[in-house]
PDB file of N, CA and C in Angstrom:
ATOM      1  N   MET A   1     -57.257  29.756 145.322  1.00  0.00           N
ATOM      2  CA  MET A   1     -57.952  28.536 144.999  1.00  0.00           C
ATOM      3  C   MET A   1     -58.713  28.050 146.219  1.00  0.00           C
ATOM      4  N   THR A   2     -59.950  27.671 146.019  1.00  0.00           N
ATOM      5  CA  THR A   2     -60.761  27.156 147.101  1.00  0.00           C
ATOM      6  C   THR A   2     -60.949  25.660 146.929  1.00  0.00           C
ATOM      7  N   GLN A   3     -60.647  24.926 147.979  1.00  0.00           N
ATOM      8  CA  GLN A   3     -60.889  23.488 147.977  1.00  0.00           C
ATOM      9  C   GLN A   3     -62.335  23.230 148.382  1.00  0.00           C
ATOM     10  N   SER A   4     -62.900  22.180 147.852  1.00  0.00           N
ATOM     11  CA  SER A   4     -64.252  21.765 148.221  1.00  0.00           C
ATOM     12  C   SER A   4     -64.198  20.399 148.871  1.00  0.00           C
ATOM     13  N   ARG A   5     -65.114  20.189 149.791  1.00  0.00           N
ATOM     14  CA  ARG A   5     -65.296  18.869 150.406  1.00  0.00           C
ATOM     15  C   ARG A   5     -66.526  18.264 149.742  1.00  0.00           C
ATOM     16  N   ILE A   6     -66.322  17.103 149.142  1.00  0.00           N
ATOM     17  CA  ILE A   6     -67.371  16.416 148.392  1.00  0.00           C
ATOM     18  C   ILE A   6     -67.621  15.078 149.086  1.00  0.00           C
ATOM     19  N   VAL A   7     -68.859  14.835 149.489  1.00  0.00           N
ATOM     20  CA  VAL A   7     -69.192  13.562 150.118  1.00  0.00           C
ATOM     21  C   VAL A   7     -70.103  12.790 149.176  1.00  0.00           C
ATOM     22  N   MET A   8     -69.716  11.545 148.920  1.00  0.00           N
ATOM     23  CA  MET A   8     -70.491  10.644 148.067  1.00  0.00           C
ATOM     24  C   MET A   8     -70.831   9.402 148.884  1.00  0.00           C
ATOM     25  N   ARG A   9     -72.084   8.996 148.854  1.00  0.00           N
ATOM     26  CA  ARG A   9     -72.531   7.810 149.585  1.00  0.00           C
ATOM     27  C   ARG A   9     -73.048   6.772 148.598  1.00  0.00           C
ATOM     28  N   LEU A  10     -72.894   5.508 148.986  1.00  0.00           N
ATOM     29  CA  LEU A  10     -73.268   4.413 148.106  1.00  0.00           C
ATOM     30  C   LEU A  10     -74.743   4.478 147.742  1.00  0.00           C
ATOM     31  N   ALA A  11     -75.013   4.575 146.456  1.00  0.00           N
ATOM     32  CA  ALA A  11     -76.388   4.642 145.939  1.00  0.00           C
ATOM     33  C   ALA A  11     -76.916   3.220 145.725  1.00  0.00           C
ATOM     34  N   ARG A  12     -78.136   3.143 145.252  1.00  0.00           N
ATOM     35  CA  ARG A  12     -78.700   1.835 144.924  1.00  0.00           C
ATOM     36  C   ARG A  12     -77.879   1.210 143.807  1.00  0.00           C
ATOM     37  N   ASN A  13     -77.524  -0.050 143.991  1.00  0.00           N
ATOM     38  CA  ASN A  13     -76.747  -0.793 143.007  1.00  0.00           C
ATOM     39  C   ASN A  13     -77.428  -2.139 142.779  1.00  0.00           C
ATOM     40  N   PRO A  14     -78.497  -2.175 141.948  1.00  0.00           N
ATOM     41  CA  PRO A  14     -79.223  -3.417 141.697  1.00  0.00           C
ATOM     42  C   PRO A  14     -78.286  -4.533 141.236  1.00  0.00           C
ATOM     43  N   GLY A  15     -78.567  -5.742 141.694  1.00  0.00           N
ATOM     44  CA  GLY A  15     -77.755  -6.884 141.299  1.00  0.00           C
ATOM     45  C   GLY A  15     -76.535  -7.095 142.171  1.00  0.00           C
ATOM     46  N   THR A  16     -76.359  -6.260 143.197  1.00  0.00           N
ATOM     47  CA  THR A  16     -75.252  -6.416 144.139  1.00  0.00           C
ATOM     48  C   THR A  16     -75.836  -6.549 145.541  1.00  0.00           C
ATOM     49  N   GLU A  17     -74.977  -6.805 146.511  1.00  0.00           N
ATOM     50  CA  GLU A  17     -75.450  -6.847 147.900  1.00  0.00           C
ATOM     51  C   GLU A  17     -75.882  -5.464 148.394  1.00  0.00           C
ATOM     52  N   PHE A  18     -75.666  -4.429 147.582  1.00  0.00           N
ATOM     53  CA  PHE A  18     -76.046  -3.053 147.927  1.00  0.00           C
ATOM     54  C   PHE A  18     -77.221  -2.579 147.068  1.00  0.00           C
ATOM     55  N   ALA A  19     -78.154  -3.468 146.790  1.00  0.00           N
ATOM     56  CA  ALA A  19     -79.286  -3.137 145.931  1.00  0.00           C
ATOM     57  C   ALA A  19     -80.048  -1.915 146.432  1.00  0.00           C
ATOM     58  N   GLY A  20     -80.118  -1.740 147.746  1.00  0.00           N
ATOM     59  CA  GLY A  20     -80.834  -0.604 148.320  1.00  0.00           C
ATOM     60  C   GLY A  20     -79.941   0.573 148.666  1.00  0.00           C
ATOM     61  N   GLY A  21     -78.642   0.463 148.352  1.00  0.00           N
ATOM     62  CA  GLY A  21     -77.704   1.518 148.720  1.00  0.00           C
ATOM     63  C   GLY A  21     -77.250   1.349 150.160  1.00  0.00           C
ATOM     64  N   ASP A  22     -76.363   2.223 150.620  1.00  0.00           N
ATOM     65  CA  ASP A  22     -75.870   2.179 151.990  1.00  0.00           C
ATOM     66  C   ASP A  22     -75.290   3.553 152.329  1.00  0.00           C
ATOM     67  N   ASP A  23     -76.000   4.304 153.160  1.00  0.00           N
ATOM     68  CA  ASP A  23     -75.556   5.650 153.546  1.00  0.00           C
ATOM     69  C   ASP A  23     -74.295   5.647 154.410  1.00  0.00           C
ATOM     70  N   HIS A  24     -73.886   4.469 154.887  1.00  0.00           N
ATOM     71  CA  HIS A  24     -72.711   4.379 155.756  1.00  0.00           C
ATOM     72  C   HIS A  24     -71.446   4.017 154.983  1.00  0.00           C
ATOM     73  N   ARG A  25     -71.550   3.894 153.673  1.00  0.00           N
ATOM     74  CA  ARG A  25     -70.395   3.593 152.812  1.00  0.00           C
ATOM     75  C   ARG A  25     -70.223   4.734 151.821  1.00  0.00           C
ATOM     76  N   GLY A  26     -68.995   5.140 151.638  1.00  0.00           N
ATOM     77  CA  GLY A  26     -68.792   6.185 150.654  1.00  0.00           C
ATOM     78  C   GLY A  26     -67.396   6.762 150.667  1.00  0.00           C
ATOM     79  N   TYR A  27     -67.319   7.979 150.151  1.00  0.00           N
ATOM     80  CA  TYR A  27     -66.059   8.687 149.995  1.00  0.00           C
ATOM     81  C   TYR A  27     -66.235  10.141 150.397  1.00  0.00           C
ATOM     82  N   ALA A  28     -65.207  10.692 151.011  1.00  0.00           N
ATOM     83  CA  ALA A  28     -65.119  12.131 151.253  1.00  0.00           C
ATOM     84  C   ALA A  28     -63.883  12.596 150.484  1.00  0.00           C
ATOM     85  N   LEU A  29     -64.099  13.465 149.537  1.00  0.00           N
ATOM     86  CA  LEU A  29     -63.047  13.934 148.638  1.00  0.00           C
ATOM     87  C   LEU A  29     -62.821  15.422 148.870  1.00  0.00           C
ATOM     88  N   THR A  30     -61.558  15.822 148.917  1.00  0.00           N
ATOM     89  CA  THR A  30     -61.208  17.236 148.991  1.00  0.00           C
ATOM     90  C   THR A  30     -60.475  17.582 147.702  1.00  0.00           C
ATOM     91  N   ALA A  31     -61.060  18.507 146.930  1.00  0.00           N
ATOM     92  CA  ALA A  31     -60.488  18.852 145.627  1.00  0.00           C
ATOM     93  C   ALA A  31     -60.982  20.226 145.202  1.00  0.00           C
ATOM     94  N   PRO A  32     -60.238  20.906 144.335  1.00  0.00           N
ATOM     95  CA  PRO A  32     -60.699  22.192 143.808  1.00  0.00           C
ATOM     96  C   PRO A  32     -61.706  21.971 142.686  1.00  0.00           C
ATOM     97  N   LEU A  33     -62.757  22.773 142.679  1.00  0.00           N
ATOM     98  CA  LEU A  33     -63.787  22.680 141.644  1.00  0.00           C
ATOM     99  C   LEU A  33     -63.900  23.996 140.896  1.00  0.00           C
ATOM    100  N   THR A  34     -64.290  23.897 139.643  1.00  0.00           N
ATOM    101  CA  THR A  34     -64.584  25.094 138.854  1.00  0.00           C
ATOM    102  C   THR A  34     -65.942  25.636 139.295  1.00  0.00           C
ATOM    103  N   ASP A  35     -66.320  26.787 138.757  1.00  0.00           N
ATOM    104  CA  ASP A  35     -67.610  27.381 139.108  1.00  0.00           C
ATOM    105  C   ASP A  35     -68.788  26.489 138.746  1.00  0.00           C
ATOM    106  N   ASP A  36     -68.617  25.648 137.721  1.00  0.00           N
ATOM    107  CA  ASP A  36     -69.715  24.754 137.336  1.00  0.00           C
ATOM    108  C   ASP A  36     -69.632  23.383 138.011  1.00  0.00           C
ATOM    109  N   GLY A  37     -68.729  23.214 138.996  1.00  0.00           N
ATOM    110  CA  GLY A  37     -68.688  22.006 139.802  1.00  0.00           C
ATOM    111  C   GLY A  37     -67.839  20.872 139.265  1.00  0.00           C
ATOM    112  N   ARG A  38     -66.969  21.151 138.311  1.00  0.00           N
ATOM    113  CA  ARG A  38     -66.090  20.105 137.773  1.00  0.00           C
ATOM    114  C   ARG A  38     -64.698  20.253 138.395  1.00  0.00           C
ATOM    115  N   LEU A  39     -63.919  19.169 138.346  1.00  0.00           N
ATOM    116  CA  LEU A  39     -62.559  19.240 138.879  1.00  0.00           C
ATOM    117  C   LEU A  39     -61.780  20.325 138.141  1.00  0.00           C
ATOM    118  N   ASP A  40     -61.096  21.169 138.899  1.00  0.00           N
ATOM    119  CA  ASP A  40     -60.319  22.265 138.343  1.00  0.00           C
ATOM    120  C   ASP A  40     -58.879  21.785 138.157  1.00  0.00           C
ATOM    121  N   GLU A  41     -58.541  21.412 136.926  1.00  0.00           N
ATOM    122  CA  GLU A  41     -57.220  20.840 136.647  1.00  0.00           C
ATOM    123  C   GLU A  41     -56.081  21.808 136.939  1.00  0.00           C
ATOM    124  N   ALA A  42     -56.248  23.074 136.620  1.00  0.00           N
ATOM    125  CA  ALA A  42     -55.185  24.053 136.866  1.00  0.00           C
ATOM    126  C   ALA A  42     -54.940  24.224 138.361  1.00  0.00           C
ATOM    127  N   ALA A  43     -56.007  24.320 139.133  1.00  0.00           N
ATOM    128  CA  ALA A  43     -55.861  24.460 140.584  1.00  0.00           C
ATOM    129  C   ALA A  43     -55.309  23.174 141.189  1.00  0.00           C
ATOM    130  N   TYR A  44     -55.729  22.037 140.669  1.00  0.00           N
ATOM    131  CA  TYR A  44     -55.210  20.757 141.153  1.00  0.00           C
ATOM    132  C   TYR A  44     -53.690  20.695 140.964  1.00  0.00           C
ATOM    133  N   ALA A  45     -53.204  21.126 139.808  1.00  0.00           N
ATOM    134  CA  ALA A  45     -51.775  21.073 139.514  1.00  0.00           C
ATOM    135  C   ALA A  45     -50.957  21.866 140.529  1.00  0.00           C
ATOM    136  N   LYS A  46     -51.560  22.906 141.106  1.00  0.00           N
ATOM    137  CA  LYS A  46     -50.862  23.754 142.078  1.00  0.00           C
ATOM    138  C   LYS A  46     -50.980  23.247 143.513  1.00  0.00           C
ATOM    139  N   ALA A  47     -51.927  22.330 143.766  1.00  0.00           N
ATOM    140  CA  ALA A  47     -52.183  21.913 145.150  1.00  0.00           C
ATOM    141  C   ALA A  47     -52.468  20.416 145.260  1.00  0.00           C
ATOM    142  N   LYS A  48     -51.711  19.603 144.526  1.00  0.00           N
ATOM    143  CA  LYS A  48     -51.949  18.164 144.512  1.00  0.00           C
ATOM    144  C   LYS A  48     -51.963  17.547 145.909  1.00  0.00           C
ATOM    145  N   ASP A  49     -51.030  17.989 146.756  1.00  0.00           N
ATOM    146  CA  ASP A  49     -50.913  17.381 148.081  1.00  0.00           C
ATOM    147  C   ASP A  49     -52.120  17.638 148.971  1.00  0.00           C
ATOM    148  N   ALA A  50     -52.902  18.649 148.667  1.00  0.00           N
ATOM    149  CA  ALA A  50     -54.082  18.968 149.470  1.00  0.00           C
ATOM    150  C   ALA A  50     -55.335  18.250 148.966  1.00  0.00           C
ATOM    151  N   CYS A  51     -55.195  17.504 147.881  1.00  0.00           N
ATOM    152  CA  CYS A  51     -56.339  16.809 147.289  1.00  0.00           C
ATOM    153  C   CYS A  51     -56.376  15.380 147.825  1.00  0.00           C
ATOM    154  N   THR A  52     -57.285  15.143 148.743  1.00  0.00           N
ATOM    155  CA  THR A  52     -57.324  13.879 149.463  1.00  0.00           C
ATOM    156  C   THR A  52     -58.650  13.154 149.261  1.00  0.00           C
ATOM    157  N   VAL A  53     -58.637  11.893 149.615  1.00  0.00           N
ATOM    158  CA  VAL A  53     -59.845  11.072 149.591  1.00  0.00           C
ATOM    159  C   VAL A  53     -59.840  10.193 150.829  1.00  0.00           C
ATOM    160  N   ARG A  54     -61.024   9.965 151.379  1.00  0.00           N
ATOM    161  CA  ARG A  54     -61.200   9.021 152.483  1.00  0.00           C
ATOM    162  C   ARG A  54     -62.354   8.109 152.120  1.00  0.00           C
ATOM    163  N   ARG A  55     -62.064   6.812 152.079  1.00  0.00           N
ATOM    164  CA  ARG A  55     -63.103   5.812 151.836  1.00  0.00           C
ATOM    165  C   ARG A  55     -63.574   5.315 153.199  1.00  0.00           C
ATOM    166  N   PHE A  56     -64.889   5.279 153.397  1.00  0.00           N
ATOM    167  CA  PHE A  56     -65.410   4.838 154.688  1.00  0.00           C
ATOM    168  C   PHE A  56     -66.497   3.785 154.503  1.00  0.00           C
ATOM    169  N   ALA A  57     -66.547   2.867 155.445  1.00  0.00           N
ATOM    170  CA  ALA A  57     -67.553   1.798 155.464  1.00  0.00           C
ATOM    171  C   ALA A  57     -67.625   1.281 156.901  1.00  0.00           C
ATOM    172  N   PRO A  58     -68.803   0.812 157.317  1.00  0.00           N
ATOM    173  CA  PRO A  58     -68.957   0.388 158.706  1.00  0.00           C
ATOM    174  C   PRO A  58     -68.156  -0.857 159.082  1.00  0.00           C
ATOM    175  N   ASP A  59     -67.797  -1.689 158.103  1.00  0.00           N
ATOM    176  CA  ASP A  59     -67.114  -2.943 158.405  1.00  0.00           C
ATOM    177  C   ASP A  59     -65.615  -2.904 158.119  1.00  0.00           C
ATOM    178  N   GLU A  60     -65.058  -1.714 157.947  1.00  0.00           N
ATOM    179  CA  GLU A  60     -63.616  -1.593 157.711  1.00  0.00           C
ATOM    180  C   GLU A  60     -63.111  -0.258 158.226  1.00  0.00           C
ATOM    181  N   ASP A  61     -61.809  -0.209 158.500  1.00  0.00           N
ATOM    182  CA  ASP A  61     -61.204   1.055 158.917  1.00  0.00           C
ATOM    183  C   ASP A  61     -61.218   2.025 157.737  1.00  0.00           C
ATOM    184  N   PRO A  62     -61.333   3.327 158.011  1.00  0.00           N
ATOM    185  CA  PRO A  62     -61.275   4.289 156.908  1.00  0.00           C
ATOM    186  C   PRO A  62     -59.935   4.171 156.169  1.00  0.00           C
ATOM    187  N   ALA A  63     -59.973   4.366 154.876  1.00  0.00           N
ATOM    188  CA  ALA A  63     -58.759   4.347 154.054  1.00  0.00           C
ATOM    189  C   ALA A  63     -58.518   5.762 153.542  1.00  0.00           C
ATOM    190  N   ASP A  64     -57.365   6.308 153.873  1.00  0.00           N
ATOM    191  CA  ASP A  64     -57.002   7.659 153.442  1.00  0.00           C
ATOM    192  C   ASP A  64     -56.040   7.588 152.267  1.00  0.00           C
ATOM    193  N   GLY A  65     -56.306   8.418 151.268  1.00  0.00           N
ATOM    194  CA  GLY A  65     -55.458   8.434 150.094  1.00  0.00           C
ATOM    195  C   GLY A  65     -55.454   9.803 149.446  1.00  0.00           C
ATOM    196  N   ARG A  66     -55.003   9.822 148.195  1.00  0.00           N
ATOM    197  CA  ARG A  66     -54.898  11.084 147.465  1.00  0.00           C
ATOM    198  C   ARG A  66     -55.605  10.974 146.127  1.00  0.00           C
ATOM    199  N   LEU A  67     -56.130  12.095 145.690  1.00  0.00           N
ATOM    200  CA  LEU A  67     -56.656  12.210 144.333  1.00  0.00           C
ATOM    201  C   LEU A  67     -55.450  12.397 143.423  1.00  0.00           C
ATOM    202  N   MET A  68     -55.357  11.561 142.403  1.00  0.00           N
ATOM    203  CA  MET A  68     -54.210  11.618 141.512  1.00  0.00           C
ATOM    204  C   MET A  68     -54.688  11.720 140.068  1.00  0.00           C
ATOM    205  N   LYS A  69     -53.786  12.236 139.224  1.00  0.00           N
ATOM    206  CA  LYS A  69     -54.080  12.339 137.799  1.00  0.00           C
ATOM    207  C   LYS A  69     -52.829  11.960 137.031  1.00  0.00           C
ATOM    208  N   ARG A  70     -53.006  11.028 136.109  1.00  0.00           N
ATOM    209  CA  ARG A  70     -51.910  10.611 135.243  1.00  0.00           C
ATOM    210  C   ARG A  70     -52.450  10.647 133.830  1.00  0.00           C
ATOM    211  N   GLY A  71     -51.944  11.543 133.007  1.00  0.00           N
ATOM    212  CA  GLY A  71     -52.503  11.742 131.672  1.00  0.00           C
ATOM    213  C   GLY A  71     -53.912  12.300 131.819  1.00  0.00           C
ATOM    214  N   GLN A  72     -54.880  11.660 131.215  1.00  0.00           N
ATOM    215  CA  GLN A  72     -56.279  12.076 131.361  1.00  0.00           C
ATOM    216  C   GLN A  72     -57.013  11.256 132.419  1.00  0.00           C
ATOM    217  N   ARG A  73     -56.301  10.352 133.080  1.00  0.00           N
ATOM    218  CA  ARG A  73     -56.915   9.418 134.022  1.00  0.00           C
ATOM    219  C   ARG A  73     -56.814   9.919 135.462  1.00  0.00           C
ATOM    220  N   TRP A  74     -57.971  10.125 136.080  1.00  0.00           N
ATOM    221  CA  TRP A  74     -58.047  10.474 137.491  1.00  0.00           C
ATOM    222  C   TRP A  74     -58.262   9.186 138.275  1.00  0.00           C
ATOM    223  N   PHE A  75     -57.647   9.096 139.470  1.00  0.00           N
ATOM    224  CA  PHE A  75     -57.853   7.913 140.292  1.00  0.00           C
ATOM    225  C   PHE A  75     -57.571   8.245 141.754  1.00  0.00           C
ATOM    226  N   PHE A  76     -58.009   7.340 142.625  1.00  0.00           N
ATOM    227  CA  PHE A  76     -57.745   7.459 144.058  1.00  0.00           C
ATOM    228  C   PHE A  76     -56.599   6.512 144.376  1.00  0.00           C
ATOM    229  N   ASP A  77     -55.558   7.030 145.006  1.00  0.00           N
ATOM    230  CA  ASP A  77     -54.370   6.248 145.334  1.00  0.00           C
ATOM    231  C   ASP A  77     -54.230   6.175 146.851  1.00  0.00           C
ATOM    232  N   TYR A  78     -54.234   4.964 147.378  1.00  0.00           N
ATOM    233  CA  TYR A  78     -54.150   4.780 148.829  1.00  0.00           C
ATOM    234  C   TYR A  78     -52.746   4.403 149.294  1.00  0.00           C
ATOM    235  N   ASP A  79     -51.913   3.914 148.376  1.00  0.00           N
ATOM    236  CA  ASP A  79     -50.538   3.539 148.706  1.00  0.00           C
ATOM    237  C   ASP A  79     -49.708   3.803 147.465  1.00  0.00           C
ATOM    238  N   GLU A  80     -48.848   4.798 147.552  1.00  0.00           N
ATOM    239  CA  GLU A  80     -48.082   5.237 146.385  1.00  0.00           C
ATOM    240  C   GLU A  80     -47.286   4.112 145.737  1.00  0.00           C
ATOM    241  N   GLY A  81     -46.852   3.157 146.533  1.00  0.00           N
ATOM    242  CA  GLY A  81     -46.031   2.080 145.992  1.00  0.00           C
ATOM    243  C   GLY A  81     -46.811   0.876 145.490  1.00  0.00           C
ATOM    244  N   ASP A  82     -48.138   0.921 145.553  1.00  0.00           N
ATOM    245  CA  ASP A  82     -48.955  -0.242 145.190  1.00  0.00           C
ATOM    246  C   ASP A  82     -50.108   0.190 144.282  1.00  0.00           C
ATOM    247  N   VAL A  83     -50.023  -0.161 143.002  1.00  0.00           N
ATOM    248  CA  VAL A  83     -51.095   0.226 142.082  1.00  0.00           C
ATOM    249  C   VAL A  83     -52.326  -0.666 142.234  1.00  0.00           C
ATOM    250  N   ALA A  84     -52.182  -1.812 142.894  1.00  0.00           N
ATOM    251  CA  ALA A  84     -53.314  -2.734 143.054  1.00  0.00           C
ATOM    252  C   ALA A  84     -54.424  -2.129 143.909  1.00  0.00           C
ATOM    253  N   ASP A  85     -54.110  -1.160 144.740  1.00  0.00           N
ATOM    254  CA  ASP A  85     -55.132  -0.570 145.617  1.00  0.00           C
ATOM    255  C   ASP A  85     -55.787   0.666 145.003  1.00  0.00           C
ATOM    256  N   ASP A  86     -55.352   1.076 143.823  1.00  0.00           N
ATOM    257  CA  ASP A  86     -55.918   2.263 143.177  1.00  0.00           C
ATOM    258  C   ASP A  86     -57.383   2.008 142.809  1.00  0.00           C
ATOM    259  N   GLU A  87     -58.192   3.050 142.915  1.00  0.00           N
ATOM    260  CA  GLU A  87     -59.586   2.972 142.516  1.00  0.00           C
ATOM    261  C   GLU A  87     -59.822   4.002 141.416  1.00  0.00           C
ATOM    262  N   GLN A  88     -60.470   3.556 140.371  1.00  0.00           N
ATOM    263  CA  GLN A  88     -60.691   4.414 139.210  1.00  0.00           C
ATOM    264  C   GLN A  88     -62.144   4.852 139.122  1.00  0.00           C
ATOM    265  N   PRO A  89     -62.414   6.110 139.415  1.00  0.00           N
ATOM    266  CA  PRO A  89     -63.765   6.631 139.152  1.00  0.00           C
ATOM    267  C   PRO A  89     -63.977   6.741 137.647  1.00  0.00           C
ATOM    268  N   TYR A  90     -65.165   6.416 137.189  1.00  0.00           N
ATOM    269  CA  TYR A  90     -65.483   6.454 135.769  1.00  0.00           C
ATOM    270  C   TYR A  90     -65.609   7.897 135.297  1.00  0.00           C
ATOM    271  N   ARG A  91     -64.746   8.293 134.390  1.00  0.00           N
ATOM    272  CA  ARG A  91     -64.759   9.623 133.758  1.00  0.00           C
ATOM    273  C   ARG A  91     -64.858  10.754 134.791  1.00  0.00           C
ATOM    274  N   LEU A  92     -64.060  10.646 135.829  1.00  0.00           N
ATOM    275  CA  LEU A  92     -64.140  11.612 136.929  1.00  0.00           C
ATOM    276  C   LEU A  92     -63.937  13.047 136.462  1.00  0.00           C
ATOM    277  N   GLY A  93     -63.049  13.259 135.503  1.00  0.00           N
ATOM    278  CA  GLY A  93     -62.786  14.601 135.004  1.00  0.00           C
ATOM    279  C   GLY A  93     -63.968  15.241 134.288  1.00  0.00           C
ATOM    280  N   GLU A  94     -64.956  14.438 133.902  1.00  0.00           N
ATOM    281  CA  GLU A  94     -66.130  14.952 133.196  1.00  0.00           C
ATOM    282  C   GLU A  94     -67.329  15.154 134.119  1.00  0.00           C
ATOM    283  N   HIS A  95     -67.226  14.636 135.335  1.00  0.00           N
ATOM    284  CA  HIS A  95     -68.366  14.716 136.260  1.00  0.00           C
ATOM    285  C   HIS A  95     -68.556  16.115 136.826  1.00  0.00           C
ATOM    286  N   ARG A  96     -69.783  16.423 137.067  1.00  0.00           N
ATOM    287  CA  ARG A  96     -70.151  17.653 137.769  1.00  0.00           C
ATOM    288  C   ARG A  96     -70.481  17.250 139.201  1.00  0.00           C
ATOM    289  N   PHE A  97     -69.771  17.853 140.142  1.00  0.00           N
ATOM    290  CA  PHE A  97     -69.996  17.546 141.551  1.00  0.00           C
ATOM    291  C   PHE A  97     -71.015  18.517 142.114  1.00  0.00           C
ATOM    292  N   ALA A  98     -72.248  18.036 142.164  1.00  0.00           N
ATOM    293  CA  ALA A  98     -73.356  18.791 142.722  1.00  0.00           C
ATOM    294  C   ALA A  98     -74.242  17.782 143.432  1.00  0.00           C
ATOM    295  N   VAL A  99     -74.901  18.221 144.477  1.00  0.00           N
ATOM    296  CA  VAL A  99     -75.779  17.331 145.232  1.00  0.00           C
ATOM    297  C   VAL A  99     -76.806  16.707 144.282  1.00  0.00           C
ATOM    298  N   GLY A 100     -76.922  15.384 144.380  1.00  0.00           N
ATOM    299  CA  GLY A 100     -77.865  14.656 143.542  1.00  0.00           C
ATOM    300  C   GLY A 100     -77.236  13.997 142.322  1.00  0.00           C
ATOM    301  N   GLU A 101     -76.017  14.393 141.958  1.00  0.00           N
ATOM    302  CA  GLU A 101     -75.324  13.781 140.817  1.00  0.00           C
ATOM    303  C   GLU A 101     -74.768  12.415 141.243  1.00  0.00           C
ATOM    304  N   TYR A 102     -74.474  11.560 140.261  1.00  0.00           N
ATOM    305  CA  TYR A 102     -73.967  10.213 140.521  1.00  0.00           C
ATOM    306  C   TYR A 102     -72.576  10.039 139.931  1.00  0.00           C
ATOM    307  N   VAL A 103     -71.748   9.232 140.628  1.00  0.00           N
ATOM    308  CA  VAL A 103     -70.386   8.931 140.207  1.00  0.00           C
ATOM    309  C   VAL A 103     -70.196   7.421 140.347  1.00  0.00           C
ATOM    310  N   THR A 104     -69.641   6.782 139.329  1.00  0.00           N
ATOM    311  CA  THR A 104     -69.332   5.360 139.407  1.00  0.00           C
ATOM    312  C   THR A 104     -67.848   5.205 139.703  1.00  0.00           C
ATOM    313  N   ILE A 105     -67.552   4.387 140.711  1.00  0.00           N
ATOM    314  CA  ILE A 105     -66.164   4.145 141.119  1.00  0.00           C
ATOM    315  C   ILE A 105     -65.918   2.642 141.078  1.00  0.00           C
ATOM    316  N   THR A 106     -64.867   2.244 140.380  1.00  0.00           N
ATOM    317  CA  THR A 106     -64.465   0.847 140.354  1.00  0.00           C
ATOM    318  C   THR A 106     -63.563   0.618 141.546  1.00  0.00           C
ATOM    319  N   ASP A 107     -64.011  -0.226 142.474  1.00  0.00           N
ATOM    320  CA  ASP A 107     -63.246  -0.440 143.698  1.00  0.00           C
ATOM    321  C   ASP A 107     -62.016  -1.304 143.433  1.00  0.00           C
ATOM    322  N   GLU A 108     -61.233  -1.534 144.479  1.00  0.00           N
ATOM    323  CA  GLU A 108     -59.971  -2.270 144.317  1.00  0.00           C
ATOM    324  C   GLU A 108     -60.192  -3.718 143.905  1.00  0.00           C
ATOM    325  N   ASP A 109     -61.425  -4.219 144.031  1.00  0.00           N
ATOM    326  CA  ASP A 109     -61.756  -5.572 143.587  1.00  0.00           C
ATOM    327  C   ASP A 109     -62.247  -5.601 142.138  1.00  0.00           C
ATOM    328  N   GLY A 110     -62.241  -4.428 141.464  1.00  0.00           N
ATOM    329  CA  GLY A 110     -62.658  -4.349 140.071  1.00  0.00           C
ATOM    330  C   GLY A 110     -64.163  -4.250 139.867  1.00  0.00           C
ATOM    331  N   ARG A 111     -64.891  -3.971 140.927  1.00  0.00           N
ATOM    332  CA  ARG A 111     -66.354  -3.912 140.871  1.00  0.00           C
ATOM    333  C   ARG A 111     -66.803  -2.458 140.749  1.00  0.00           C
ATOM    334  N   PRO A 112     -67.547  -2.103 139.670  1.00  0.00           N
ATOM    335  CA  PRO A 112     -68.062  -0.737 139.557  1.00  0.00           C
ATOM    336  C   PRO A 112     -69.304  -0.554 140.429  1.00  0.00           C
ATOM    337  N   LEU A 113     -69.279   0.468 141.283  1.00  0.00           N
ATOM    338  CA  LEU A 113     -70.416   0.789 142.144  1.00  0.00           C
ATOM    339  C   LEU A 113     -70.767   2.264 141.974  1.00  0.00           C
ATOM    340  N   THR A 114     -72.035   2.579 142.084  1.00  0.00           N
ATOM    341  CA  THR A 114     -72.507   3.945 141.890  1.00  0.00           C
ATOM    342  C   THR A 114     -72.695   4.631 143.240  1.00  0.00           C
ATOM    343  N   TYR A 115     -72.226   5.883 143.310  1.00  0.00           N
ATOM    344  CA  TYR A 115     -72.316   6.706 144.516  1.00  0.00           C
ATOM    345  C   TYR A 115     -73.063   7.986 144.173  1.00  0.00           C
ATOM    346  N   LYS A 116     -73.777   8.498 145.158  1.00  0.00           N
ATOM    347  CA  LYS A 116     -74.531   9.738 144.977  1.00  0.00           C
ATOM    348  C   LYS A 116     -73.831  10.857 145.739  1.00  0.00           C
ATOM    349  N   VAL A 117     -73.658  12.003 145.087  1.00  0.00           N
ATOM    350  CA  VAL A 117     -73.090  13.172 145.746  1.00  0.00           C
ATOM    351  C   VAL A 117     -74.155  13.723 146.701  1.00  0.00           C
ATOM    352  N   VAL A 118     -73.823  13.751 147.994  1.00  0.00           N
ATOM    353  CA  VAL A 118     -74.797  14.203 149.003  1.00  0.00           C
ATOM    354  C   VAL A 118     -74.388  15.517 149.657  1.00  0.00           C
ATOM    355  N   GLU A 119     -73.144  15.939 149.422  1.00  0.00           N
ATOM    356  CA  GLU A 119     -72.672  17.180 150.041  1.00  0.00           C
ATOM    357  C   GLU A 119     -71.524  17.760 149.227  1.00  0.00           C
ATOM    358  N   VAL A 120     -71.583  19.057 148.993  1.00  0.00           N
ATOM    359  CA  VAL A 120     -70.480  19.802 148.384  1.00  0.00           C
ATOM    360  C   VAL A 120     -70.426  21.129 149.106  1.00  0.00           C
ATOM    361  N   GLN A 121     -69.292  21.397 149.764  1.00  0.00           N
ATOM    362  CA  GLN A 121     -69.147  22.643 150.501  1.00  0.00           C
ATOM    363  C   GLN A 121     -67.677  23.032 150.545  1.00  0.00           C
ATOM    364  N   PRO A 122     -67.382  24.302 150.823  1.00  0.00           N
ATOM    365  CA  PRO A 122     -65.986  24.701 150.935  1.00  0.00           C
ATOM    366  C   PRO A 122     -65.294  23.902 152.038  1.00  0.00           C
ATOM    367  N   ALA A 123     -64.089  23.436 151.747  1.00  0.00           N
ATOM    368  CA  ALA A 123     -63.318  22.697 152.750  1.00  0.00           C
ATOM    369  C   ALA A 123     -62.769  23.705 153.756  1.00  0.00           C
ATOM    370  N   GLY A 124     -62.754  23.302 154.984  1.00  0.00           N
ATOM    371  CA  GLY A 124     -62.294  24.256 155.980  1.00  0.00           C
ATOM    372  C   GLY A 124     -61.564  23.666 157.119  1.00  0.00           C
TER     373      GLY A 124
END
């Protein structure tokens, strides 16, 4: 199984303080992908502990967490004992991770923001 490093940066989000986007805010995700760029559920089941996420922004310390799946719901978990900090990407299991694609993530404040995939490469 090959892990991929996926970098997503904040895209334009009209109607928010990020109307023009922000290349300094985003996520770096490490996860297994299928040949067509979707999350590989079978490979994930074998290597859950290696599937990580890092949220970064210039005005806060990076937050390190894990990619988690419960039922059909994928989410980012930053503290195993606290569900309030979980972030839910919209239909993450259906997304294709390829440069130029968009992913919506509902942050811990309940605000949906759109991110653009800017990098997908083998994790190393």
